[in-house]
Amino acid sequence: MSIDIEILEALRWPLEAVGLLGLIGLVLLAAMNYARLPGTVPHHFGITGRPDRHGGRWILLLMCAIALAMYAGMSAGGDTFGLLTGQAAAKPGEALMLAWTKGVLMLTLCHCVRSMIRVARGEAGRMNVAVLWGLIALTLVPVVAGVAR
């Protein structure tokens, strides 16, 4: 079964928007909360969602830098600039998969940063792992659907 290239290109637009909004949300969360956080924040959460390693709040800046680098790399690999300028991707199925993965990844990182902030402030005792596992499962949707074929 082959999917029309125009449909694949049209599907990329909302996925690119989700990725960009996730990145912006992550950066805004970190920027708006950084000064009000205690000196130590969770750096890692165990399988149950409880923090098991803590360290300096600088980790939020590192998370923003990592997210920005991943977003830029995935945008380059998926030819987001070509989409913005109206050029069709050479491999539209792969570009769609990369846009999907980028969007879900940015939402996942945003959830992680939000959890780090909430736990550090004492608003929560753990990360919501159901949301995390749901986002991880969403990452696999294009693979299961076989979009890249």
C-alpha atoms as a PDB file:
ATOM      1  CA  MET A   1       0.000   0.000   0.000  1.00  0.00           C
ATOM      2  CA  SER A   2       1.362   3.363  -1.013  1.00  0.00           C
ATOM      3  CA  ILE A   3       0.359   6.660   0.581  1.00  0.00           C
ATOM      4  CA  ASP A   4       0.042   9.771  -1.570  1.00  0.00           C
ATOM      5  CA  ILE A   5       3.060  12.082  -1.170  1.00  0.00           C
ATOM      6  CA  GLU A   6       0.813  15.142  -0.806  1.00  0.00           C
ATOM      7  CA  ILE A   7      -0.932  13.523   2.158  1.00  0.00           C
ATOM      8  CA  LEU A   8       2.406  12.754   3.815  1.00  0.00           C
ATOM      9  CA  GLU A   9       3.550  16.341   3.333  1.00  0.00           C
ATOM     10  CA  ALA A  10       0.250  17.685   4.721  1.00  0.00           C
ATOM     11  CA  LEU A  11       0.577  15.450   7.794  1.00  0.00           C
ATOM     12  CA  ARG A  12       4.039  16.812   8.512  1.00  0.00           C
ATOM     13  CA  TRP A  13       2.819  20.363   9.206  1.00  0.00           C
ATOM     14  CA  PRO A  14       0.930  19.598  12.441  1.00  0.00           C
ATOM     15  CA  LEU A  15       3.705  17.261  13.566  1.00  0.00           C
ATOM     16  CA  GLU A  16       6.310  19.972  13.037  1.00  0.00           C
ATOM     17  CA  ALA A  17       4.090  22.349  15.032  1.00  0.00           C
ATOM     18  CA  VAL A  18       3.838  19.862  17.913  1.00  0.00           C
ATOM     19  CA  GLY A  19       7.618  19.484  17.971  1.00  0.00           C
ATOM     20  CA  LEU A  20       8.192  23.225  17.973  1.00  0.00           C
ATOM     21  CA  LEU A  21       5.552  23.830  20.672  1.00  0.00           C
ATOM     22  CA  GLY A  22       7.101  21.075  22.801  1.00  0.00           C
ATOM     23  CA  LEU A  23      10.533  22.686  22.494  1.00  0.00           C
ATOM     24  CA  ILE A  24       9.164  26.142  23.303  1.00  0.00           C
ATOM     25  CA  GLY A  25       7.233  24.737  26.254  1.00  0.00           C
ATOM     26  CA  LEU A  26      10.322  23.014  27.627  1.00  0.00           C
ATOM     27  CA  VAL A  27      12.428  26.174  27.368  1.00  0.00           C
ATOM     28  CA  LEU A  28       9.691  28.337  28.893  1.00  0.00           C
ATOM     29  CA  LEU A  29       9.172  25.908  31.778  1.00  0.00           C
ATOM     30  CA  ALA A  30      12.870  25.921  32.569  1.00  0.00           C
ATOM     31  CA  ALA A  31      13.278  29.690  32.156  1.00  0.00           C
ATOM     32  CA  MET A  32      10.221  30.664  34.173  1.00  0.00           C
ATOM     33  CA  ASN A  33      10.996  28.335  37.071  1.00  0.00           C
ATOM     34  CA  TYR A  34      14.794  28.281  37.221  1.00  0.00           C
ATOM     35  CA  ALA A  35      15.281  31.141  39.702  1.00  0.00           C
ATOM     36  CA  ARG A  36      12.573  29.835  42.051  1.00  0.00           C
ATOM     37  CA  LEU A  37      13.920  26.297  42.285  1.00  0.00           C
ATOM     38  CA  PRO A  38      15.955  24.992  45.191  1.00  0.00           C
ATOM     39  CA  GLY A  39      19.651  24.318  44.647  1.00  0.00           C
ATOM     40  CA  THR A  40      19.051  20.623  43.990  1.00  0.00           C
ATOM     41  CA  VAL A  41      16.522  19.044  41.662  1.00  0.00           C
ATOM     42  CA  PRO A  42      15.879  15.450  40.593  1.00  0.00           C
ATOM     43  CA  HIS A  43      18.274  14.313  37.878  1.00  0.00           C
ATOM     44  CA  HIS A  44      16.852  10.840  37.420  1.00  0.00           C
ATOM     45  CA  PHE A  45      13.627   8.999  38.120  1.00  0.00           C
ATOM     46  CA  GLY A  46      13.361   5.273  38.781  1.00  0.00           C
ATOM     47  CA  ILE A  47      10.901   2.902  37.125  1.00  0.00           C
ATOM     48  CA  THR A  48       8.199   3.849  39.659  1.00  0.00           C
ATOM     49  CA  GLY A  49       8.662   7.554  38.954  1.00  0.00           C
ATOM     50  CA  ARG A  50      10.329   8.345  42.255  1.00  0.00           C
ATOM     51  CA  PRO A  51      13.509  10.439  42.023  1.00  0.00           C
ATOM     52  CA  ASP A  52      16.614   8.419  42.792  1.00  0.00           C
ATOM     53  CA  ARG A  53      19.340  10.959  41.973  1.00  0.00           C
ATOM     54  CA  HIS A  54      19.498  14.651  42.716  1.00  0.00           C
ATOM     55  CA  GLY A  55      21.930  17.364  41.736  1.00  0.00           C
ATOM     56  CA  GLY A  56      22.250  20.996  40.778  1.00  0.00           C
ATOM     57  CA  ARG A  57      19.480  22.820  38.967  1.00  0.00           C
ATOM     58  CA  TRP A  58      21.893  23.425  36.082  1.00  0.00           C
ATOM     59  CA  ILE A  59      20.503  20.159  34.673  1.00  0.00           C
ATOM     60  CA  LEU A  60      17.503  22.122  33.398  1.00  0.00           C
ATOM     61  CA  LEU A  61      19.789  24.256  31.250  1.00  0.00           C
ATOM     62  CA  LEU A  62      21.459  21.110  29.960  1.00  0.00           C
ATOM     63  CA  MET A  63      18.049  19.592  29.149  1.00  0.00           C
ATOM     64  CA  CYS A  64      17.192  22.711  27.130  1.00  0.00           C
ATOM     65  CA  ALA A  65      20.488  22.525  25.247  1.00  0.00           C
ATOM     66  CA  ILE A  66      20.045  18.809  24.521  1.00  0.00           C
ATOM     67  CA  ALA A  67      16.455  19.357  23.348  1.00  0.00           C
ATOM     68  CA  LEU A  68      17.540  22.201  21.071  1.00  0.00           C
ATOM     69  CA  ALA A  69      20.362  20.111  19.585  1.00  0.00           C
ATOM     70  CA  MET A  70      18.031  17.148  19.024  1.00  0.00           C
ATOM     71  CA  TYR A  71      15.380  19.374  17.485  1.00  0.00           C
ATOM     72  CA  ALA A  72      17.921  20.960  15.134  1.00  0.00           C
ATOM     73  CA  GLY A  73      19.403  17.609  14.137  1.00  0.00           C
ATOM     74  CA  MET A  74      16.031  16.004  13.510  1.00  0.00           C
ATOM     75  CA  SER A  75      14.847  19.067  11.580  1.00  0.00           C
ATOM     76  CA  ALA A  76      17.934  18.889   9.363  1.00  0.00           C
ATOM     77  CA  GLY A  77      17.551  15.147   8.864  1.00  0.00           C
ATOM     78  CA  GLY A  78      13.843  15.446   8.070  1.00  0.00           C
ATOM     79  CA  ASP A  79      14.326  18.431   5.754  1.00  0.00           C
ATOM     80  CA  THR A  80      12.028  20.737   7.724  1.00  0.00           C
ATOM     81  CA  PHE A  81      13.506  23.710   5.873  1.00  0.00           C
ATOM     82  CA  GLY A  82      12.450  22.106   2.599  1.00  0.00           C
ATOM     83  CA  LEU A  83       8.923  21.727   3.952  1.00  0.00           C
ATOM     84  CA  LEU A  84       8.855  25.393   4.933  1.00  0.00           C
ATOM     85  CA  THR A  85      10.034  26.466   1.479  1.00  0.00           C
ATOM     86  CA  GLY A  86       7.585  24.204  -0.350  1.00  0.00           C
ATOM     87  CA  GLN A  87      10.027  21.569  -1.553  1.00  0.00           C
ATOM     88  CA  ALA A  88       8.943  17.947  -1.300  1.00  0.00           C
ATOM     89  CA  ALA A  89      11.133  15.661   0.784  1.00  0.00           C
ATOM     90  CA  ALA A  90      13.236  13.127  -1.114  1.00  0.00           C
ATOM     91  CA  LYS A  91      11.908  10.391   1.203  1.00  0.00           C
ATOM     92  CA  PRO A  92       8.503  11.614   2.408  1.00  0.00           C
ATOM     93  CA  GLY A  93       7.750   8.544   4.520  1.00  0.00           C
ATOM     94  CA  GLU A  94      10.990   8.888   6.440  1.00  0.00           C
ATOM     95  CA  ALA A  95      10.486  12.653   6.804  1.00  0.00           C
ATOM     96  CA  LEU A  96       7.039  12.018   8.298  1.00  0.00           C
ATOM     97  CA  MET A  97       8.426   9.441  10.716  1.00  0.00           C
ATOM     98  CA  LEU A  98      11.145  11.847  11.800  1.00  0.00           C
ATOM     99  CA  ALA A  99       8.626  14.668  12.301  1.00  0.00           C
ATOM    100  CA  TRP A 100       6.450  12.327  14.388  1.00  0.00           C
ATOM    101  CA  THR A 101       9.406  11.174  16.457  1.00  0.00           C
ATOM    102  CA  LYS A 102      10.610  14.741  16.944  1.00  0.00           C
ATOM    103  CA  GLY A 103       7.190  15.864  18.153  1.00  0.00           C
ATOM    104  CA  VAL A 104       6.777  13.023  20.619  1.00  0.00           C
ATOM    105  CA  LEU A 105      10.371  13.381  21.814  1.00  0.00           C
ATOM    106  CA  MET A 106       9.938  17.095  22.528  1.00  0.00           C
ATOM    107  CA  LEU A 107       6.729  16.361  24.457  1.00  0.00           C
ATOM    108  CA  THR A 108       8.547  13.633  26.398  1.00  0.00           C
ATOM    109  CA  LEU A 109      11.400  15.954  27.330  1.00  0.00           C
ATOM    110  CA  CYS A 110       8.883  18.640  28.282  1.00  0.00           C
ATOM    111  CA  HIS A 111       7.127  16.145  30.578  1.00  0.00           C
ATOM    112  CA  CYS A 112      10.470  15.224  32.152  1.00  0.00           C
ATOM    113  CA  VAL A 113      11.399  18.868  32.814  1.00  0.00           C
ATOM    114  CA  ARG A 114       7.946  19.575  34.223  1.00  0.00           C
ATOM    115  CA  SER A 115       8.271  16.566  36.518  1.00  0.00           C
ATOM    116  CA  MET A 116      11.723  17.659  37.663  1.00  0.00           C
ATOM    117  CA  ILE A 117      10.362  21.103  38.532  1.00  0.00           C
ATOM    118  CA  ARG A 118       7.247  19.809  40.306  1.00  0.00           C
ATOM    119  CA  VAL A 119       9.198  17.326  42.417  1.00  0.00           C
ATOM    120  CA  ALA A 120      11.898  19.879  43.269  1.00  0.00           C
ATOM    121  CA  ARG A 121       9.228  22.338  44.463  1.00  0.00           C
ATOM    122  CA  GLY A 122       7.462  19.686  46.521  1.00  0.00           C
ATOM    123  CA  GLU A 123       4.316  19.807  44.369  1.00  0.00           C
ATOM    124  CA  ALA A 124       4.647  16.112  43.529  1.00  0.00           C
ATOM    125  CA  GLY A 125       6.479  13.150  44.963  1.00  0.00           C
ATOM    126  CA  ARG A 126       7.215  11.480  41.656  1.00  0.00           C
ATOM    127  CA  MET A 127       6.989  11.653  37.879  1.00  0.00           C
ATOM    128  CA  ASN A 128       3.752  10.427  36.319  1.00  0.00           C
ATOM    129  CA  VAL A 129       5.100   7.303  34.641  1.00  0.00           C
ATOM    130  CA  ALA A 130       1.780   6.557  32.924  1.00  0.00           C
ATOM    131  CA  VAL A 131       2.243   9.725  30.864  1.00  0.00           C
ATOM    132  CA  LEU A 132       5.862   8.797  30.184  1.00  0.00           C
ATOM    133  CA  TRP A 133       4.983   5.267  29.009  1.00  0.00           C
ATOM    134  CA  GLY A 134       2.147   6.682  26.899  1.00  0.00           C
ATOM    135  CA  LEU A 135       4.538   9.048  25.161  1.00  0.00           C
ATOM    136  CA  ILE A 136       7.038   6.256  24.608  1.00  0.00           C
ATOM    137  CA  ALA A 137       4.272   4.116  23.089  1.00  0.00           C
ATOM    138  CA  LEU A 138       3.307   7.008  20.785  1.00  0.00           C
ATOM    139  CA  THR A 139       6.850   7.021  19.446  1.00  0.00           C
ATOM    140  CA  LEU A 140       6.236   3.584  17.959  1.00  0.00           C
ATOM    141  CA  VAL A 141       3.014   4.426  16.075  1.00  0.00           C
ATOM    142  CA  PRO A 142       4.650   5.173  12.696  1.00  0.00           C
ATOM    143  CA  VAL A 143       6.780   2.049  12.956  1.00  0.00           C
ATOM    144  CA  VAL A 144       3.735  -0.110  13.592  1.00  0.00           C
ATOM    145  CA  ALA A 145       1.803   1.697  10.836  1.00  0.00           C
ATOM    146  CA  GLY A 146       4.690   1.148   8.416  1.00  0.00           C
ATOM    147  CA  VAL A 147       4.730   4.736   7.144  1.00  0.00           C
ATOM    148  CA  ALA A 148       8.367   4.618   6.009  1.00  0.00           C
ATOM    149  CA  ARG A 149       7.763   1.919   3.393  1.00  0.00           C
END
